Amino acid sequence: MDTKKISAIPLLVDLGEIEETPGPNCMSFGFDINPLINSIKTIGLINSPFVTKNREGRFDIVAGYRRIRALKALNYKDAPCMDLSDSGLSGLERLLFNILDNITIRNFNDVEKGMVLRGLMQYMSKKDIEKHYMKVVGINNPKYLDILIRIEELDQDTRRSVANGSLSINSLGLIMELDNPSRLAVLEWIRDLRLNFNQQLKYIDYITDISIKEGKPIAEIMKDGRFLALLNENKLNIPQKAKKMLELLRSWRFPFLCSCEKRFTKQIRQLGLPDGVNISHSPFFEDNNYRLEVIFDNGAELKRKIDALAQIEDLKKIDDPWKDDS
């Protein structure tokens, strides 16, 4: 689209004639309108919104949805706009006009990226979007296209979580594969315990595996008394509750592994190792080797710690914990 050839007519538009709904060109969600309100209060409207007449004779916003929202919040009755009704722009060109208008001043959040994709899919294939517009919109991985397009299926609160960056797109992709009651249960716990992105993925992985293993819905599993008691535990802060919940789920999902880890930890603790000395196992005990780590400032300290280790008779008792079922 060659923006130099666009013909727009300055027009004072009655704000009551502008559609309240975002419209076919809008790509704004989860924004704070107050900074723009304060700006207009201070120095007035700097850039005029662009509008076009629809079939009902009212105006759709082509670019400037937030500006119109701010003006209405300030009880403006009308606003100077640029009318594109006779510009000859197609629906796709009006959409691209808004995309280009936005990317010069801000980045889209993931909900807004979904809005852009749904708009583009009215006019072109997903393959063409991937080839020509994915990078423009700020999407780095083609696998995210299907997830972003489906964000509209989510409830308002979940979309807000996506927009403000508290719910990762990878987590969102997994959540969308769940039935609605399970999805709502998972999202509720993610919000209540403010799980970070890594914790979200672990939580979804554990709870879906447990659901399959137990043959129970996720919502039912999360009503287990241990989780409800944890949620109401006043002595723990939110990060501590999140960590404890993941530990409970991991123990449920991997009971034998967690039992082995506890036995191994007990073995090592009972050795009375010098400060700065630690013995650890590989993740999931995936190999038969263990690691000895010694932290020291100088050679003399290293020798002292090695000598102290040599005096610990019980070192020879270290063994694979799964060999002991007691």
Protein backbone atom coordinates (compact mmCIF):
# COMPACT_ATOMS: atom_id res chain seq x y z
CA MET A 1 0.00 0.00 0.00
CA ASP A 2 1.45 3.37 -1.06
CA THR A 3 0.48 5.72 1.78
CA LYS A 4 1.56 8.76 -0.28
CA LYS A 5 -1.48 8.32 -2.54
CA ILE A 6 -4.05 8.13 0.25
CA SER A 7 -6.73 10.77 0.01
CA ALA A 8 -8.19 11.79 3.39
CA ILE A 9 -10.60 14.68 4.02
CA PRO A 10 -10.44 16.67 7.29
CA LEU A 11 -13.83 16.43 9.01
CA LEU A 12 -15.29 17.38 12.39
CA VAL A 13 -17.06 14.19 13.46
CA ASP A 14 -19.77 13.87 16.09
CA LEU A 15 -18.37 11.25 18.48
CA GLY A 16 -21.85 9.84 18.84
CA GLU A 17 -21.64 8.82 15.19
CA ILE A 18 -18.56 6.66 15.80
CA GLU A 19 -19.24 3.00 16.59
CA GLU A 20 -18.67 2.03 20.22
CA THR A 21 -17.31 -1.41 19.30
CA PRO A 22 -13.64 -1.65 18.25
CA GLY A 23 -14.54 -2.34 14.61
CA PRO A 24 -12.87 -4.34 11.83
CA ASN A 25 -9.57 -2.43 11.92
CA CYS A 26 -9.02 -2.30 15.67
CA MET A 27 -6.04 -4.03 17.29
CA SER A 28 -6.03 -2.60 20.81
CA PHE A 29 -6.59 -4.62 23.99
CA GLY A 30 -5.54 -4.42 27.62
CA PHE A 31 -4.19 -0.88 27.47
CA ASP A 32 -4.17 1.88 30.08
CA ILE A 33 -6.10 4.83 28.67
CA ASN A 34 -5.15 7.24 31.47
CA PRO A 35 -1.80 8.47 30.05
CA LEU A 36 -3.54 9.41 26.80
CA ILE A 37 -6.37 11.11 28.70
CA ASN A 38 -3.83 13.16 30.66
CA SER A 39 -1.97 14.05 27.46
CA ILE A 40 -5.13 15.30 25.75
CA LYS A 41 -6.07 17.25 28.88
CA THR A 42 -2.66 18.94 28.86
CA ILE A 43 -1.93 19.66 25.21
CA GLY A 44 -5.03 18.57 23.32
CA LEU A 45 -5.37 16.07 20.48
CA ILE A 46 -2.13 16.02 18.48
CA ASN A 47 -2.93 13.46 15.78
CA SER A 48 -6.38 13.16 14.27
CA PRO A 49 -8.00 9.70 14.14
CA PHE A 50 -8.77 8.23 10.72
CA VAL A 51 -12.34 7.08 10.09
CA THR A 52 -14.51 5.76 7.27
CA LYS A 53 -18.28 5.54 6.83
CA ASN A 54 -19.88 2.11 7.11
CA ARG A 55 -23.04 0.82 5.43
CA GLU A 56 -25.24 2.23 8.20
CA GLY A 57 -23.87 5.73 7.61
CA ARG A 58 -21.98 5.78 10.88
CA PHE A 59 -18.20 5.85 11.21
CA ASP A 60 -15.78 2.98 11.77
CA ILE A 61 -12.34 3.80 13.16
CA VAL A 62 -9.50 3.00 10.79
CA ALA A 63 -6.75 4.28 13.10
CA GLY A 64 -6.99 6.04 16.46
CA TYR A 65 -9.27 3.80 18.53
CA ARG A 66 -7.52 4.74 21.77
CA ARG A 67 -7.70 8.44 20.93
CA ILE A 68 -11.45 8.18 20.35
CA ARG A 69 -11.86 6.28 23.62
CA ALA A 70 -9.91 8.98 25.47
CA LEU A 71 -11.94 11.79 23.91
CA LYS A 72 -15.20 10.08 24.88
CA ALA A 73 -13.91 9.58 28.42
CA LEU A 74 -13.25 13.33 28.55
CA ASN A 75 -16.83 13.99 27.38
CA TYR A 76 -15.82 15.54 24.08
CA LYS A 77 -18.81 15.87 21.76
CA ASP A 78 -16.87 15.88 18.51
CA ALA A 79 -13.34 15.49 17.23
CA PRO A 80 -11.30 16.52 14.18
CA CYS A 81 -10.82 13.36 12.10
CA MET A 82 -9.45 12.38 8.71
CA ASP A 83 -12.19 10.80 6.62
CA LEU A 84 -11.09 7.95 4.34
CA SER A 85 -14.57 7.18 3.01
CA ASP A 86 -13.70 8.35 -0.53
CA SER A 87 -10.07 7.21 -0.48
CA GLY A 88 -10.71 4.07 -2.48
CA LEU A 89 -8.88 1.94 0.08
CA SER A 90 -9.93 -1.69 0.24
CA GLY A 91 -10.70 -3.47 3.50
CA LEU A 92 -7.21 -5.00 3.52
CA GLU A 93 -5.59 -1.64 2.87
CA ARG A 94 -7.48 -0.04 5.75
CA LEU A 95 -6.34 -2.85 8.03
CA LEU A 96 -2.73 -2.45 6.88
CA PHE A 97 -3.05 1.29 7.41
CA ASN A 98 -3.83 0.65 11.08
CA ILE A 99 -1.08 -1.95 11.47
CA LEU A 100 1.52 0.42 10.07
CA ASP A 101 0.17 3.29 12.16
CA ASN A 102 0.59 1.21 15.32
CA ILE A 103 3.98 -0.44 14.79
CA THR A 104 5.69 2.93 14.49
CA ILE A 105 4.87 3.79 18.11
CA ARG A 106 4.44 0.53 20.06
CA ASN A 107 4.68 -3.25 20.19
CA PHE A 108 1.59 -5.43 20.05
CA ASN A 109 0.79 -7.65 23.03
CA ASP A 110 -0.16 -11.27 22.26
CA VAL A 111 -3.91 -10.61 22.35
CA GLU A 112 -3.46 -7.77 19.87
CA LYS A 113 -1.32 -10.00 17.65
CA GLY A 114 -4.24 -12.43 17.56
CA MET A 115 -6.57 -9.59 16.56
CA VAL A 116 -4.22 -8.62 13.73
CA LEU A 117 -3.97 -12.20 12.50
CA ARG A 118 -7.72 -12.70 12.46
CA GLY A 119 -8.09 -9.49 10.51
CA LEU A 120 -5.48 -10.51 7.95
CA MET A 121 -7.00 -13.97 7.53
CA GLN A 122 -10.10 -12.37 6.07
CA TYR A 123 -8.02 -11.41 3.05
CA MET A 124 -5.16 -13.92 2.73
CA SER A 125 -3.95 -17.39 3.61
CA LYS A 126 -1.99 -18.26 6.72
CA LYS A 127 0.95 -19.09 4.47
CA ASP A 128 0.94 -15.55 3.05
CA ILE A 129 0.65 -14.08 6.54
CA GLU A 130 3.63 -16.14 7.67
CA LYS A 131 5.66 -15.02 4.66
CA HIS A 132 4.83 -11.31 4.59
CA TYR A 133 3.47 -10.13 7.95
CA MET A 134 4.60 -12.43 10.76
CA LYS A 135 7.80 -10.49 11.48
CA VAL A 136 6.05 -7.15 10.95
CA VAL A 137 3.56 -7.95 13.71
CA GLY A 138 6.32 -9.21 16.01
CA ILE A 139 5.76 -12.98 15.88
CA ASN A 140 9.05 -14.90 15.95
CA ASN A 141 7.85 -18.48 15.59
CA PRO A 142 5.31 -19.81 13.06
CA LYS A 143 4.03 -22.35 15.61
CA TYR A 144 2.52 -19.46 17.57
CA LEU A 145 0.19 -18.42 14.74
CA ASP A 146 -2.54 -20.96 15.52
CA ILE A 147 -2.34 -20.19 19.24
CA LEU A 148 -2.61 -16.43 18.74
CA ILE A 149 -5.52 -16.76 16.33
CA ARG A 150 -7.48 -18.74 18.93
CA ILE A 151 -6.97 -16.27 21.80
CA GLU A 152 -10.39 -14.81 21.07
CA GLU A 153 -11.89 -18.07 22.43
CA LEU A 154 -10.65 -17.22 25.92
CA ASP A 155 -12.57 -15.34 28.58
CA GLN A 156 -11.84 -11.69 29.28
CA ASP A 157 -9.78 -12.30 32.44
CA THR A 158 -7.54 -14.80 30.66
CA ARG A 159 -7.01 -12.46 27.76
CA ARG A 160 -5.99 -9.76 30.21
CA SER A 161 -3.43 -12.16 31.71
CA VAL A 162 -2.07 -12.80 28.22
CA ALA A 163 -2.01 -9.10 27.37
CA ASN A 164 -0.17 -8.05 30.54
CA GLY A 165 2.43 -10.77 30.05
CA SER A 166 1.62 -12.89 33.12
CA LEU A 167 0.63 -15.92 31.02
CA SER A 168 3.16 -17.25 28.51
CA ILE A 169 2.20 -18.18 24.98
CA ASN A 170 3.72 -21.66 25.45
CA SER A 171 1.50 -22.21 28.49
CA LEU A 172 -1.43 -20.85 26.54
CA GLY A 173 -0.89 -23.39 23.77
CA LEU A 174 -1.06 -26.25 26.28
CA ILE A 175 -4.06 -24.81 28.09
CA MET A 176 -6.03 -24.49 24.86
CA GLU A 177 -5.86 -28.27 24.42
CA LEU A 178 -7.79 -28.79 27.66
CA ASP A 179 -11.56 -28.94 28.07
CA ASN A 180 -13.14 -25.78 29.41
CA PRO A 181 -13.55 -26.81 33.11
CA SER A 182 -9.92 -28.02 33.19
CA ARG A 183 -8.75 -24.86 31.46
CA LEU A 184 -10.52 -22.66 33.99
CA ALA A 185 -9.11 -24.65 36.92
CA VAL A 186 -5.55 -24.43 35.62
CA LEU A 187 -5.83 -20.72 34.90
CA GLU A 188 -7.26 -20.04 38.36
CA TRP A 189 -4.26 -21.62 40.09
CA ILE A 190 -1.79 -19.91 37.78
CA ARG A 191 -3.35 -16.56 38.66
CA ASP A 192 -3.79 -17.22 42.38
CA LEU A 193 -0.19 -18.36 42.86
CA ARG A 194 1.27 -15.99 40.23
CA LEU A 195 3.29 -18.76 38.65
CA ASN A 196 6.19 -17.62 36.49
CA PHE A 197 6.56 -18.97 32.95
CA ASN A 198 8.75 -21.92 33.96
CA GLN A 199 6.41 -22.83 36.83
CA GLN A 200 3.39 -22.60 34.53
CA LEU A 201 4.82 -25.21 32.17
CA LYS A 202 5.76 -27.54 35.03
CA TYR A 203 2.31 -27.15 36.59
CA ILE A 204 0.46 -27.92 33.35
CA ASP A 205 2.76 -30.87 32.63
CA TYR A 206 2.30 -32.40 36.10
CA ILE A 207 -1.44 -31.84 36.39
CA THR A 208 -2.29 -33.16 32.92
CA ASP A 209 -0.18 -36.29 33.49
CA ILE A 210 -1.82 -36.88 36.88
CA SER A 211 -5.25 -36.39 35.34
CA ILE A 212 -4.54 -39.07 32.74
CA LYS A 213 -2.94 -41.39 35.29
CA GLU A 214 -5.77 -41.08 37.81
CA GLY A 215 -8.57 -40.90 35.25
CA LYS A 216 -9.93 -37.80 36.96
CA PRO A 217 -10.69 -34.28 35.69
CA ILE A 218 -8.10 -31.64 36.53
CA ALA A 219 -10.69 -29.55 38.37
CA GLU A 220 -11.40 -32.50 40.67
CA ILE A 221 -7.72 -33.14 41.33
CA MET A 222 -7.12 -29.52 42.32
CA LYS A 223 -9.89 -29.82 44.93
CA ASP A 224 -7.71 -32.28 46.83
CA GLY A 225 -7.50 -31.25 50.50
CA ARG A 226 -3.73 -30.80 50.35
CA PHE A 227 -3.99 -28.09 47.73
CA LEU A 228 -6.91 -26.30 49.38
CA ALA A 229 -5.08 -26.33 52.72
CA LEU A 230 -1.99 -24.91 51.01
CA LEU A 231 -3.99 -22.12 49.44
CA ASN A 232 -5.30 -21.10 52.88
CA GLU A 233 -1.96 -21.42 54.67
CA ASN A 234 -1.31 -18.01 56.22
CA LYS A 235 2.28 -18.73 57.23
CA LEU A 236 3.43 -19.06 53.61
CA ASN A 237 3.73 -16.22 51.10
CA ILE A 238 2.65 -16.60 47.48
CA PRO A 239 6.05 -17.75 46.07
CA GLN A 240 6.35 -20.31 48.89
CA LYS A 241 2.86 -21.63 48.17
CA ALA A 242 3.71 -21.91 44.47
CA LYS A 243 6.87 -23.88 45.23
CA LYS A 244 5.05 -26.14 47.68
CA MET A 245 2.23 -26.85 45.23
CA LEU A 246 4.69 -27.89 42.52
CA GLU A 247 6.46 -30.13 45.01
CA LEU A 248 3.16 -31.80 45.91
CA LEU A 249 2.28 -32.33 42.27
CA ARG A 250 5.73 -33.67 41.44
CA SER A 251 5.54 -36.16 44.35
CA TRP A 252 2.12 -37.27 43.11
CA ARG A 253 3.34 -37.61 39.53
CA PHE A 254 6.68 -39.29 40.38
CA PRO A 255 6.21 -40.99 43.77
CA PHE A 256 9.10 -43.47 43.45
CA LEU A 257 11.54 -40.86 42.12
CA CYS A 258 10.67 -38.40 44.88
CA SER A 259 11.03 -41.16 47.48
CA CYS A 260 14.51 -41.95 46.14
CA GLU A 261 15.46 -38.28 46.20
CA LYS A 262 14.42 -37.99 49.84
CA ARG A 263 16.43 -41.08 50.81
CA PHE A 264 19.47 -39.81 48.94
CA THR A 265 19.20 -36.37 50.55
CA LYS A 266 18.95 -38.02 53.98
CA GLN A 267 22.04 -40.14 53.24
CA ILE A 268 24.11 -37.10 52.33
CA ARG A 269 22.82 -34.99 55.22
CA GLN A 270 23.82 -37.66 57.74
CA LEU A 271 27.42 -37.69 56.48
CA GLY A 272 28.23 -34.33 58.08
CA LEU A 273 30.08 -32.98 55.05
CA PRO A 274 32.36 -29.95 55.53
CA ASP A 275 30.93 -26.54 54.62
CA GLY A 276 31.19 -25.89 50.90
CA VAL A 277 31.13 -29.60 50.02
CA ASN A 278 28.13 -31.17 48.33
CA ILE A 279 27.27 -34.49 46.70
CA SER A 280 24.47 -34.49 44.11
CA HIS A 281 22.77 -36.91 41.74
CA SER A 282 21.85 -36.46 38.09
CA PRO A 283 18.27 -35.38 37.21
CA PHE A 284 15.90 -38.35 37.60
CA PHE A 285 18.98 -40.47 38.51
CA GLU A 286 19.38 -40.89 34.77
CA ASP A 287 22.94 -42.19 35.11
CA ASN A 288 24.80 -44.14 37.80
CA ASN A 289 27.31 -41.44 38.61
CA TYR A 290 27.20 -38.84 41.37
CA ARG A 291 28.88 -35.46 41.54
CA LEU A 292 31.14 -34.16 44.31
CA GLU A 293 31.41 -30.37 44.46
CA VAL A 294 34.01 -28.62 46.63
CA ILE A 295 34.03 -24.83 47.00
CA PHE A 296 37.35 -23.38 48.28
CA ASP A 297 39.33 -20.14 48.35
CA ASN A 298 42.84 -21.54 48.01
CA GLY A 299 44.85 -24.72 47.95
CA ALA A 300 45.24 -24.89 51.70
CA GLU A 301 41.48 -24.80 52.22
CA LEU A 302 41.02 -27.44 49.52
CA LYS A 303 43.48 -29.75 51.28
CA ARG A 304 41.71 -29.26 54.62
CA LYS A 305 38.38 -30.20 53.07
CA ILE A 306 39.81 -33.23 51.29
CA ASP A 307 41.41 -34.37 54.54
CA ALA A 308 38.09 -33.91 56.35
CA LEU A 309 36.31 -35.94 53.67
CA ALA A 310 38.86 -38.72 54.03
CA GLN A 311 37.98 -39.00 57.72
CA ILE A 312 34.27 -39.66 57.02
CA GLU A 313 33.91 -43.44 57.21
CA ASP A 314 30.29 -43.41 56.07
CA LEU A 315 31.25 -42.16 52.60
CA LYS A 316 31.56 -45.79 51.56
CA LYS A 317 27.91 -46.32 52.47
CA ILE A 318 26.67 -44.00 49.73
CA ASP A 319 24.57 -46.20 47.44
CA ASP A 320 21.77 -46.01 44.91
CA PRO A 321 18.71 -45.03 46.97
CA TRP A 322 16.28 -47.22 45.02
CA LYS A 323 18.11 -50.29 46.34
CA ASP A 324 16.73 -49.50 49.79
CA ASP A 325 12.96 -49.77 50.08
CA SER A 326 12.94 -49.47 53.85
